[in-house]
């Protein structure tokens, strides 16, 4: 679905969704809703780099295509 170089967004996970994943850490919650660039893809996860340089593997279920608007 996603390929290297794609711009993606991290889903806004609700608390009920987060508790399903014991390895979800609160420190990464600040990236919910943020856009980043796909650097690698795995079977279940995607490595995303954000504009501040932070790299993190995200479950594919947590990543959505970024919506970009070009009004002109």
N, C-alpha and C. Protein backbone atom coordinates (compact mmCIF):
# COMPACT_ATOMS: atom_id res chain seq x y z
N UNK A 1 0.82 -1.19 0.00
CA UNK A 1 0.00 0.00 0.00
C UNK A 1 0.87 1.26 0.00
N UNK A 2 1.83 1.34 0.92
CA UNK A 2 2.71 2.50 0.97
C UNK A 2 4.06 2.10 0.39
N UNK A 3 4.73 3.10 -0.19
CA UNK A 3 6.06 2.83 -0.73
C UNK A 3 7.02 3.91 -0.23
N UNK A 4 8.29 3.63 -0.36
CA UNK A 4 9.32 4.56 0.09
C UNK A 4 9.13 5.90 -0.62
N UNK A 5 9.18 6.98 0.16
CA UNK A 5 9.01 8.32 -0.36
C UNK A 5 7.60 8.87 -0.22
N UNK A 6 6.62 8.01 0.07
CA UNK A 6 5.24 8.48 0.26
C UNK A 6 5.15 9.37 1.49
N UNK A 7 4.29 10.36 1.41
CA UNK A 7 4.00 11.19 2.58
C UNK A 7 2.75 10.60 3.23
N UNK A 8 2.89 10.32 4.52
CA UNK A 8 1.81 9.69 5.26
C UNK A 8 1.50 10.49 6.52
N UNK A 9 0.36 10.20 7.11
CA UNK A 9 -0.03 10.80 8.38
C UNK A 9 -0.25 9.69 9.39
N UNK A 10 -0.02 10.00 10.64
CA UNK A 10 -0.26 9.05 11.72
C UNK A 10 -1.69 9.28 12.22
N UNK A 11 -2.44 8.19 12.36
CA UNK A 11 -3.82 8.28 12.81
C UNK A 11 -3.91 8.88 14.21
N UNK A 12 -5.02 9.55 14.46
CA UNK A 12 -5.32 10.04 15.80
C UNK A 12 -5.96 8.88 16.56
N UNK A 13 -5.16 8.11 17.29
CA UNK A 13 -5.68 6.96 18.01
C UNK A 13 -6.41 7.40 19.28
N UNK A 14 -7.56 6.81 19.50
CA UNK A 14 -8.30 7.06 20.72
C UNK A 14 -7.75 6.16 21.81
N UNK A 15 -8.03 6.51 23.06
CA UNK A 15 -7.52 5.74 24.19
C UNK A 15 -7.92 4.26 24.08
N UNK A 16 -9.13 3.99 23.67
CA UNK A 16 -9.59 2.60 23.54
C UNK A 16 -8.77 1.84 22.51
N UNK A 17 -8.31 2.53 21.47
CA UNK A 17 -7.47 1.89 20.46
C UNK A 17 -6.05 1.66 20.98
N UNK A 18 -5.55 2.61 21.74
CA UNK A 18 -4.18 2.52 22.27
C UNK A 18 -4.00 1.35 23.23
N UNK A 19 -5.01 1.08 24.05
CA UNK A 19 -4.86 0.04 25.07
C UNK A 19 -4.75 -1.36 24.45
N UNK A 20 -5.15 -1.49 23.19
CA UNK A 20 -5.01 -2.78 22.51
C UNK A 20 -3.55 -3.11 22.23
N UNK A 21 -2.70 -2.09 22.25
CA UNK A 21 -1.29 -2.26 21.89
C UNK A 21 -0.41 -1.95 23.10
N UNK A 22 0.03 -2.97 23.83
CA UNK A 22 0.82 -2.72 25.04
C UNK A 22 2.15 -2.03 24.77
N UNK A 23 2.63 -2.07 23.53
CA UNK A 23 3.91 -1.44 23.20
C UNK A 23 3.73 0.00 22.71
N UNK A 24 2.49 0.51 22.71
CA UNK A 24 2.27 1.92 22.35
C UNK A 24 2.77 2.77 23.51
N UNK A 25 3.64 3.70 23.23
CA UNK A 25 4.22 4.54 24.28
C UNK A 25 3.67 5.96 24.17
N UNK A 26 3.35 6.54 25.31
CA UNK A 26 2.79 7.89 25.34
C UNK A 26 3.68 8.94 24.67
N UNK A 27 5.00 8.72 24.68
CA UNK A 27 5.91 9.71 24.10
C UNK A 27 5.70 9.87 22.59
N UNK A 28 5.19 8.84 21.93
CA UNK A 28 4.97 8.96 20.49
C UNK A 28 3.59 9.54 20.17
N UNK A 29 2.76 9.74 21.18
CA UNK A 29 1.41 10.27 20.92
C UNK A 29 1.45 11.68 20.35
N UNK A 30 2.53 12.41 20.57
CA UNK A 30 2.63 13.77 20.02
C UNK A 30 2.72 13.74 18.49
N UNK A 31 2.98 12.57 17.91
CA UNK A 31 3.06 12.46 16.45
C UNK A 31 1.73 12.06 15.83
N UNK A 32 0.71 11.80 16.64
CA UNK A 32 -0.61 11.52 16.09
C UNK A 32 -1.08 12.72 15.27
N UNK A 33 -1.50 12.46 14.06
CA UNK A 33 -1.96 13.52 13.18
C UNK A 33 -0.85 14.21 12.39
N UNK A 34 0.40 13.88 12.67
CA UNK A 34 1.53 14.50 11.98
C UNK A 34 1.87 13.78 10.68
N UNK A 35 2.40 14.52 9.73
CA UNK A 35 2.85 13.95 8.47
C UNK A 35 4.33 13.61 8.52
N UNK A 36 4.69 12.58 7.79
CA UNK A 36 6.08 12.17 7.68
C UNK A 36 6.31 11.46 6.37
N UNK A 37 7.55 11.09 6.12
CA UNK A 37 7.94 10.43 4.87
C UNK A 37 8.30 8.98 5.17
N UNK A 38 7.81 8.07 4.34
CA UNK A 38 8.12 6.65 4.49
C UNK A 38 9.56 6.41 4.04
N UNK A 39 10.37 5.81 4.94
CA UNK A 39 11.75 5.46 4.61
C UNK A 39 11.92 3.98 4.31
N UNK A 40 11.13 3.14 4.99
CA UNK A 40 11.18 1.69 4.78
C UNK A 40 9.81 1.12 5.04
N UNK A 41 9.55 -0.01 4.42
CA UNK A 41 8.31 -0.72 4.72
C UNK A 41 8.64 -2.16 5.08
N UNK A 42 7.94 -2.66 6.05
CA UNK A 42 8.08 -4.05 6.47
C UNK A 42 6.77 -4.76 6.26
N UNK A 43 6.70 -5.97 6.76
CA UNK A 43 5.49 -6.75 6.59
C UNK A 43 4.31 -6.15 7.36
N UNK A 44 4.58 -5.69 8.58
CA UNK A 44 3.52 -5.14 9.43
C UNK A 44 3.72 -3.68 9.80
N UNK A 45 4.93 -3.16 9.55
CA UNK A 45 5.26 -1.82 10.02
C UNK A 45 5.85 -0.96 8.92
N UNK A 46 5.86 0.35 9.19
CA UNK A 46 6.41 1.33 8.26
C UNK A 46 7.31 2.27 9.05
N UNK A 47 8.52 2.51 8.54
CA UNK A 47 9.43 3.46 9.17
C UNK A 47 9.14 4.84 8.59
N UNK A 48 8.80 5.76 9.49
CA UNK A 48 8.43 7.12 9.08
C UNK A 48 9.39 8.12 9.70
N UNK A 49 9.83 9.08 8.89
CA UNK A 49 10.68 10.17 9.38
C UNK A 49 9.86 11.46 9.35
N UNK A 50 9.92 12.18 10.46
CA UNK A 50 9.17 13.43 10.59
C UNK A 50 10.09 14.62 10.36
N UNK A 51 9.51 15.79 10.19
CA UNK A 51 10.29 16.99 9.86
C UNK A 51 11.29 17.36 10.94
N UNK A 52 11.05 16.92 12.18
CA UNK A 52 12.01 17.22 13.26
C UNK A 52 13.15 16.20 13.32
N UNK A 53 13.15 15.25 12.38
CA UNK A 53 14.21 14.25 12.32
C UNK A 53 13.91 12.96 13.06
N UNK A 54 12.80 12.92 13.81
CA UNK A 54 12.43 11.73 14.57
C UNK A 54 12.05 10.60 13.62
N UNK A 55 12.60 9.40 13.88
CA UNK A 55 12.28 8.20 13.11
C UNK A 55 11.56 7.23 14.02
N UNK A 56 10.54 6.57 13.50
CA UNK A 56 9.82 5.59 14.30
C UNK A 56 9.13 4.60 13.39
N UNK A 57 9.11 3.31 13.83
CA UNK A 57 8.34 2.29 13.14
C UNK A 57 6.91 2.36 13.65
N UNK A 58 5.95 2.37 12.71
CA UNK A 58 4.52 2.42 13.05
C UNK A 58 3.83 1.22 12.43
N UNK A 59 2.87 0.68 13.14
CA UNK A 59 2.05 -0.37 12.55
C UNK A 59 1.32 0.19 11.34
N UNK A 60 1.16 -0.62 10.32
CA UNK A 60 0.46 -0.15 9.11
C UNK A 60 -0.95 0.31 9.43
N UNK A 61 -1.57 -0.26 10.46
CA UNK A 61 -2.92 0.15 10.87
C UNK A 61 -2.95 1.57 11.41
N UNK A 62 -1.81 2.09 11.83
CA UNK A 62 -1.75 3.42 12.42
C UNK A 62 -1.39 4.50 11.41
N UNK A 63 -1.13 4.11 10.18
CA UNK A 63 -0.67 5.06 9.15
C UNK A 63 -1.72 5.19 8.06
N UNK A 64 -1.96 6.42 7.65
CA UNK A 64 -2.91 6.69 6.57
C UNK A 64 -2.24 7.60 5.54
N UNK A 65 -2.75 7.62 4.31
CA UNK A 65 -2.18 8.56 3.33
C UNK A 65 -2.41 10.00 3.80
N UNK A 66 -1.41 10.83 3.63
CA UNK A 66 -1.53 12.24 4.00
C UNK A 66 -2.39 12.94 2.97
N UNK A 67 -3.26 13.78 3.45
CA UNK A 67 -4.09 14.59 2.56
C UNK A 67 -3.40 15.91 2.35
N UNK A 68 -3.14 16.21 1.09
CA UNK A 68 -2.51 17.47 0.76
C UNK A 68 -3.45 18.26 -0.14
N UNK A 69 -3.65 19.49 0.22
CA UNK A 69 -4.54 20.34 -0.55
C UNK A 69 -3.74 21.34 -1.36
N UNK A 70 -4.10 21.49 -2.58
CA UNK A 70 -3.48 22.48 -3.46
C UNK A 70 -4.62 23.30 -4.03
N UNK A 71 -4.87 24.44 -3.40
CA UNK A 71 -6.02 25.26 -3.78
C UNK A 71 -5.84 25.94 -5.13
N UNK A 72 -4.60 26.05 -5.59
CA UNK A 72 -4.39 26.77 -6.85
C UNK A 72 -3.54 26.00 -7.79
